[in-house]
Amino acid sequence: MGQDVLYEKYEVVAETSKGRHITNNGSRLSLEINDLGMGWSASSQTSGWLYYNATSISLAYQP
C-alpha cells in the first residue's frame, strides 16, 4: 500500500460580475500506479471526487 498527496491550487486572475476567472497554479490532480491512472477533484473541505476506469481499477473502503 502506498501514499500520495493530491491538492487543488489555483490563482484568481480576474473577478467579474459573472464570477471568478482562475488559472491552475501547480495543482496535483492525478496519480499513477504502474500503468493505471486516477484523477481527483475537491468537492468540499471534507470530501472529493475520484475519476477512474472501473474496468481497470477496483476500489475498496478501509476505515
PDB file of N, CA and C in Angstrom:
ATOM      1  N   MET A   1       0.847  -1.170   0.000  1.00  0.00           N
ATOM      2  CA  MET A   1       0.000   0.000   0.000  1.00  0.00           C
ATOM      3  C   MET A   1       0.897   1.240   0.000  1.00  0.00           C
ATOM      4  N   GLY A   2       0.506   2.277  -0.705  1.00  0.00           N
ATOM      5  CA  GLY A   2       1.301   3.484  -0.782  1.00  0.00           C
ATOM      6  C   GLY A   2       0.515   4.717  -0.382  1.00  0.00           C
ATOM      7  N   GLN A   3       1.168   5.848  -0.450  1.00  0.00           N
ATOM      8  CA  GLN A   3       0.541   7.125  -0.121  1.00  0.00           C
ATOM      9  C   GLN A   3       0.937   8.160  -1.165  1.00  0.00           C
ATOM     10  N   ASP A   4       0.067   9.153  -1.330  1.00  0.00           N
ATOM     11  CA  ASP A   4       0.362  10.273  -2.207  1.00  0.00           C
ATOM     12  C   ASP A   4      -0.460  11.459  -1.726  1.00  0.00           C
ATOM     13  N   VAL A   5      -0.161  12.623  -2.194  1.00  0.00           N
ATOM     14  CA  VAL A   5      -0.888  13.833  -1.818  1.00  0.00           C
ATOM     15  C   VAL A   5      -1.471  14.449  -3.080  1.00  0.00           C
ATOM     16  N   LEU A   6      -2.778  14.720  -3.055  1.00  0.00           N
ATOM     17  CA  LEU A   6      -3.461  15.385  -4.155  1.00  0.00           C
ATOM     18  C   LEU A   6      -4.048  16.685  -3.631  1.00  0.00           C
ATOM     19  N   TYR A   7      -3.974  17.746  -4.427  1.00  0.00           N
ATOM     20  CA  TYR A   7      -4.496  19.033  -3.984  1.00  0.00           C
ATOM     21  C   TYR A   7      -4.805  19.918  -5.174  1.00  0.00           C
ATOM     22  N   GLU A   8      -5.697  20.864  -4.955  1.00  0.00           N
ATOM     23  CA  GLU A   8      -6.008  21.878  -5.956  1.00  0.00           C
ATOM     24  C   GLU A   8      -5.370  23.188  -5.510  1.00  0.00           C
ATOM     25  N   LYS A   9      -4.721  23.865  -6.437  1.00  0.00           N
ATOM     26  CA  LYS A   9      -4.078  25.147  -6.144  1.00  0.00           C
ATOM     27  C   LYS A   9      -4.309  26.054  -7.345  1.00  0.00           C
ATOM     28  N   TYR A  10      -5.119  27.071  -7.153  1.00  0.00           N
ATOM     29  CA  TYR A  10      -5.475  27.975  -8.237  1.00  0.00           C
ATOM     30  C   TYR A  10      -5.175  29.410  -7.863  1.00  0.00           C
ATOM     31  N   GLU A  11      -5.025  30.240  -8.851  1.00  0.00           N
ATOM     32  CA  GLU A  11      -4.826  31.671  -8.665  1.00  0.00           C
ATOM     33  C   GLU A  11      -5.971  32.408  -9.354  1.00  0.00           C
ATOM     34  N   VAL A  12      -6.571  33.341  -8.639  1.00  0.00           N
ATOM     35  CA  VAL A  12      -7.628  34.158  -9.229  1.00  0.00           C
ATOM     36  C   VAL A  12      -6.956  35.215 -10.098  1.00  0.00           C
ATOM     37  N   VAL A  13      -7.303  35.233 -11.386  1.00  0.00           N
ATOM     38  CA  VAL A  13      -6.693  36.197 -12.297  1.00  0.00           C
ATOM     39  C   VAL A  13      -7.618  37.375 -12.585  1.00  0.00           C
ATOM     40  N   ALA A  14      -8.919  37.186 -12.352  1.00  0.00           N
ATOM     41  CA  ALA A  14      -9.870  38.290 -12.547  1.00  0.00           C
ATOM     42  C   ALA A  14     -11.181  37.935 -11.850  1.00  0.00           C
ATOM     43  N   GLU A  15     -11.871  38.974 -11.376  1.00  0.00           N
ATOM     44  CA  GLU A  15     -13.211  38.798 -10.815  1.00  0.00           C
ATOM     45  C   GLU A  15     -14.145  39.714 -11.582  1.00  0.00           C
ATOM     46  N   THR A  16     -15.225  39.129 -12.080  1.00  0.00           N
ATOM     47  CA  THR A  16     -16.196  39.901 -12.846  1.00  0.00           C
ATOM     48  C   THR A  16     -17.580  39.691 -12.239  1.00  0.00           C
ATOM     49  N   SER A  17     -18.566  40.315 -12.807  1.00  0.00           N
ATOM     50  CA  SER A  17     -19.930  40.137 -12.324  1.00  0.00           C
ATOM     51  C   SER A  17     -20.433  38.711 -12.573  1.00  0.00           C
ATOM     52  N   LYS A  18     -19.779  37.989 -13.482  1.00  0.00           N
ATOM     53  CA  LYS A  18     -20.177  36.612 -13.790  1.00  0.00           C
ATOM     54  C   LYS A  18     -19.400  35.580 -12.976  1.00  0.00           C
ATOM     55  N   GLY A  19     -18.449  36.004 -12.180  1.00  0.00           N
ATOM     56  CA  GLY A  19     -17.700  35.072 -11.350  1.00  0.00           C
ATOM     57  C   GLY A  19     -16.205  35.304 -11.405  1.00  0.00           C
ATOM     58  N   ARG A  20     -15.487  34.358 -10.806  1.00  0.00           N
ATOM     59  CA  ARG A  20     -14.026  34.447 -10.761  1.00  0.00           C
ATOM     60  C   ARG A  20     -13.414  33.675 -11.924  1.00  0.00           C
ATOM     61  N   HIS A  21     -12.361  34.210 -12.478  1.00  0.00           N
ATOM     62  CA  HIS A  21     -11.582  33.534 -13.512  1.00  0.00           C
ATOM     63  C   HIS A  21     -10.287  33.086 -12.847  1.00  0.00           C
ATOM     64  N   ILE A  22     -10.013  31.787 -12.952  1.00  0.00           N
ATOM     65  CA  ILE A  22      -8.852  31.238 -12.267  1.00  0.00           C
ATOM     66  C   ILE A  22      -7.922  30.542 -13.247  1.00  0.00           C
ATOM     67  N   THR A  23      -6.690  30.335 -12.798  1.00  0.00           N
ATOM     68  CA  THR A  23      -5.717  29.565 -13.560  1.00  0.00           C
ATOM     69  C   THR A  23      -5.070  28.564 -12.619  1.00  0.00           C
ATOM     70  N   ASN A  24      -4.706  27.422 -13.144  1.00  0.00           N
ATOM     71  CA  ASN A  24      -4.041  26.397 -12.349  1.00  0.00           C
ATOM     72  C   ASN A  24      -2.674  26.915 -11.935  1.00  0.00           C
ATOM     73  N   ASN A  25      -2.367  26.808 -10.652  1.00  0.00           N
ATOM     74  CA  ASN A  25      -1.102  27.308 -10.134  1.00  0.00           C
ATOM     75  C   ASN A  25      -0.351  26.181  -9.414  1.00  0.00           C
ATOM     76  N   GLY A  26      -0.243  25.026 -10.070  1.00  0.00           N
ATOM     77  CA  GLY A  26       0.535  23.922  -9.520  1.00  0.00           C
ATOM     78  C   GLY A  26      -0.283  22.834  -8.846  1.00  0.00           C
ATOM     79  N   SER A  27      -1.544  22.661  -9.229  1.00  0.00           N
ATOM     80  CA  SER A  27      -2.368  21.599  -8.658  1.00  0.00           C
ATOM     81  C   SER A  27      -1.782  20.231  -8.956  1.00  0.00           C
ATOM     82  N   ARG A  28      -2.034  19.295  -8.062  1.00  0.00           N
ATOM     83  CA  ARG A  28      -1.684  17.884  -8.297  1.00  0.00           C
ATOM     84  C   ARG A  28      -2.995  17.122  -8.235  1.00  0.00           C
ATOM     85  N   LEU A  29      -3.544  16.769  -9.408  1.00  0.00           N
ATOM     86  CA  LEU A  29      -4.891  16.231  -9.509  1.00  0.00           C
ATOM     87  C   LEU A  29      -4.956  14.785  -9.964  1.00  0.00           C
ATOM     88  N   SER A  30      -3.837  14.128 -10.162  1.00  0.00           N
ATOM     89  CA  SER A  30      -3.883  12.737 -10.615  1.00  0.00           C
ATOM     90  C   SER A  30      -2.716  11.954 -10.031  1.00  0.00           C
ATOM     91  N   LEU A  31      -2.914  10.645  -9.996  1.00  0.00           N
ATOM     92  CA  LEU A  31      -1.833   9.766  -9.574  1.00  0.00           C
ATOM     93  C   LEU A  31      -1.792   8.573 -10.502  1.00  0.00           C
ATOM     94  N   GLU A  32      -0.629   7.959 -10.595  1.00  0.00           N
ATOM     95  CA  GLU A  32      -0.446   6.794 -11.451  1.00  0.00           C
ATOM     96  C   GLU A  32       0.241   5.691 -10.665  1.00  0.00           C
ATOM     97  N   ILE A  33      -0.273   4.484 -10.827  1.00  0.00           N
ATOM     98  CA  ILE A  33       0.328   3.302 -10.225  1.00  0.00           C
ATOM     99  C   ILE A  33       0.568   2.335 -11.375  1.00  0.00           C
ATOM    100  N   ASN A  34       1.818   2.073 -11.645  1.00  0.00           N
ATOM    101  CA  ASN A  34       2.197   1.307 -12.829  1.00  0.00           C
ATOM    102  C   ASN A  34       1.570   1.973 -14.051  1.00  0.00           C
ATOM    103  N   ASP A  35       0.705   1.299 -14.787  1.00  0.00           N
ATOM    104  CA  ASP A  35       0.093   1.929 -15.961  1.00  0.00           C
ATOM    105  C   ASP A  35      -1.363   2.313 -15.712  1.00  0.00           C
ATOM    106  N   LEU A  36      -1.790   2.342 -14.457  1.00  0.00           N
ATOM    107  CA  LEU A  36      -3.155   2.742 -14.116  1.00  0.00           C
ATOM    108  C   LEU A  36      -3.154   4.183 -13.620  1.00  0.00           C
ATOM    109  N   GLY A  37      -4.152   4.955 -14.035  1.00  0.00           N
ATOM    110  CA  GLY A  37      -4.238   6.343 -13.623  1.00  0.00           C
ATOM    111  C   GLY A  37      -5.572   6.646 -12.971  1.00  0.00           C
ATOM    112  N   MET A  38      -5.579   7.659 -12.122  1.00  0.00           N
ATOM    113  CA  MET A  38      -6.784   8.066 -11.421  1.00  0.00           C
ATOM    114  C   MET A  38      -6.748   9.584 -11.256  1.00  0.00           C
ATOM    115  N   GLY A  39      -7.882  10.238 -11.500  1.00  0.00           N
ATOM    116  CA  GLY A  39      -7.980  11.674 -11.318  1.00  0.00           C
ATOM    117  C   GLY A  39      -8.751  12.010 -10.052  1.00  0.00           C
ATOM    118  N   TRP A  40      -8.621  13.232  -9.569  1.00  0.00           N
ATOM    119  CA  TRP A  40      -9.261  13.661  -8.335  1.00  0.00           C
ATOM    120  C   TRP A  40      -9.640  15.131  -8.450  1.00  0.00           C
ATOM    121  N   SER A  41     -10.735  15.518  -7.781  1.00  0.00           N
ATOM    122  CA  SER A  41     -11.066  16.930  -7.612  1.00  0.00           C
ATOM    123  C   SER A  41     -11.776  17.113  -6.282  1.00  0.00           C
ATOM    124  N   ALA A  42     -11.609  18.275  -5.678  1.00  0.00           N
ATOM    125  CA  ALA A  42     -12.230  18.579  -4.386  1.00  0.00           C
ATOM    126  C   ALA A  42     -13.702  18.860  -4.578  1.00  0.00           C
ATOM    127  N   SER A  43     -14.496  18.493  -3.579  1.00  0.00           N
ATOM    128  CA  SER A  43     -15.918  18.799  -3.564  1.00  0.00           C
ATOM    129  C   SER A  43     -16.217  19.765  -2.426  1.00  0.00           C
ATOM    130  N   SER A  44     -15.584  19.543  -1.287  1.00  0.00           N
ATOM    131  CA  SER A  44     -15.737  20.407  -0.116  1.00  0.00           C
ATOM    132  C   SER A  44     -14.478  20.260   0.728  1.00  0.00           C
ATOM    133  N   GLN A  45     -14.495  20.810   1.923  1.00  0.00           N
ATOM    134  CA  GLN A  45     -13.333  20.691   2.813  1.00  0.00           C
ATOM    135  C   GLN A  45     -13.113  19.249   3.276  1.00  0.00           C
ATOM    136  N   THR A  46     -14.166  18.428   3.241  1.00  0.00           N
ATOM    137  CA  THR A  46     -14.069  17.075   3.781  1.00  0.00           C
ATOM    138  C   THR A  46     -14.341  15.969   2.765  1.00  0.00           C
ATOM    139  N   SER A  47     -14.570  16.306   1.500  1.00  0.00           N
ATOM    140  CA  SER A  47     -14.851  15.263   0.513  1.00  0.00           C
ATOM    141  C   SER A  47     -14.327  15.651  -0.858  1.00  0.00           C
ATOM    142  N   GLY A  48     -14.264  14.664  -1.743  1.00  0.00           N
ATOM    143  CA  GLY A  48     -13.788  14.904  -3.095  1.00  0.00           C
ATOM    144  C   GLY A  48     -14.317  13.838  -4.039  1.00  0.00           C
ATOM    145  N   TRP A  49     -13.929  13.932  -5.299  1.00  0.00           N
ATOM    146  CA  TRP A  49     -14.357  13.005  -6.343  1.00  0.00           C
ATOM    147  C   TRP A  49     -13.145  12.289  -6.894  1.00  0.00           C
ATOM    148  N   LEU A  50     -13.281  10.972  -7.149  1.00  0.00           N
ATOM    149  CA  LEU A  50     -12.263  10.192  -7.836  1.00  0.00           C
ATOM    150  C   LEU A  50     -12.767   9.848  -9.221  1.00  0.00           C
ATOM    151  N   TYR A  51     -11.898   9.938 -10.206  1.00  0.00           N
ATOM    152  CA  TYR A  51     -12.232   9.598 -11.588  1.00  0.00           C
ATOM    153  C   TYR A  51     -11.321   8.463 -12.025  1.00  0.00           C
ATOM    154  N   TYR A  52     -11.926   7.338 -12.412  1.00  0.00           N
ATOM    155  CA  TYR A  52     -11.126   6.183 -12.797  1.00  0.00           C
ATOM    156  C   TYR A  52     -11.922   5.298 -13.742  1.00  0.00           C
ATOM    157  N   ASN A  53     -11.222   4.408 -14.410  1.00  0.00           N
ATOM    158  CA  ASN A  53     -11.837   3.443 -15.309  1.00  0.00           C
ATOM    159  C   ASN A  53     -12.194   2.202 -14.493  1.00  0.00           C
ATOM    160  N   ALA A  54     -13.474   1.972 -14.255  1.00  0.00           N
ATOM    161  CA  ALA A  54     -13.919   0.878 -13.382  1.00  0.00           C
ATOM    162  C   ALA A  54     -13.602  -0.503 -13.965  1.00  0.00           C
ATOM    163  N   THR A  55     -13.321  -0.599 -15.252  1.00  0.00           N
ATOM    164  CA  THR A  55     -12.941  -1.904 -15.806  1.00  0.00           C
ATOM    165  C   THR A  55     -11.471  -2.214 -15.540  1.00  0.00           C
ATOM    166  N   SER A  56     -10.694  -1.211 -15.125  1.00  0.00           N
ATOM    167  CA  SER A  56      -9.262  -1.405 -14.862  1.00  0.00           C
ATOM    168  C   SER A  56      -8.897  -1.339 -13.388  1.00  0.00           C
ATOM    169  N   ILE A  57      -9.719  -0.654 -12.583  1.00  0.00           N
ATOM    170  CA  ILE A  57      -9.392  -0.397 -11.184  1.00  0.00           C
ATOM    171  C   ILE A  57     -10.568  -0.818 -10.316  1.00  0.00           C
ATOM    172  N   SER A  58     -10.260  -1.471  -9.215  1.00  0.00           N
ATOM    173  CA  SER A  58     -11.275  -1.848  -8.228  1.00  0.00           C
ATOM    174  C   SER A  58     -10.928  -1.134  -6.916  1.00  0.00           C
ATOM    175  N   LEU A  59     -11.897  -0.416  -6.335  1.00  0.00           N
ATOM    176  CA  LEU A  59     -11.665   0.308  -5.087  1.00  0.00           C
ATOM    177  C   LEU A  59     -12.313  -0.426  -3.926  1.00  0.00           C
ATOM    178  N   ALA A  60     -11.658  -0.367  -2.777  1.00  0.00           N
ATOM    179  CA  ALA A  60     -12.191  -0.974  -1.552  1.00  0.00           C
ATOM    180  C   ALA A  60     -12.058   0.035  -0.428  1.00  0.00           C
ATOM    181  N   TYR A  61     -13.102   0.154   0.384  1.00  0.00           N
ATOM    182  CA  TYR A  61     -13.100   1.081   1.526  1.00  0.00           C
ATOM    183  C   TYR A  61     -12.410   0.411   2.707  1.00  0.00           C
ATOM    184  N   GLN A  62     -11.465   1.097   3.330  1.00  0.00           N
ATOM    185  CA  GLN A  62     -10.795   0.586   4.518  1.00  0.00           C
ATOM    186  C   GLN A  62     -10.814   1.686   5.577  1.00  0.00           C
ATOM    187  N   PRO A  63     -11.678   1.531   6.606  1.00  0.00           N
ATOM    188  CA  PRO A  63     -11.767   2.571   7.652  1.00  0.00           C
ATOM    189  C   PRO A  63     -10.493   2.700   8.459  1.00  0.00           C
TER     190      PRO A  63
END
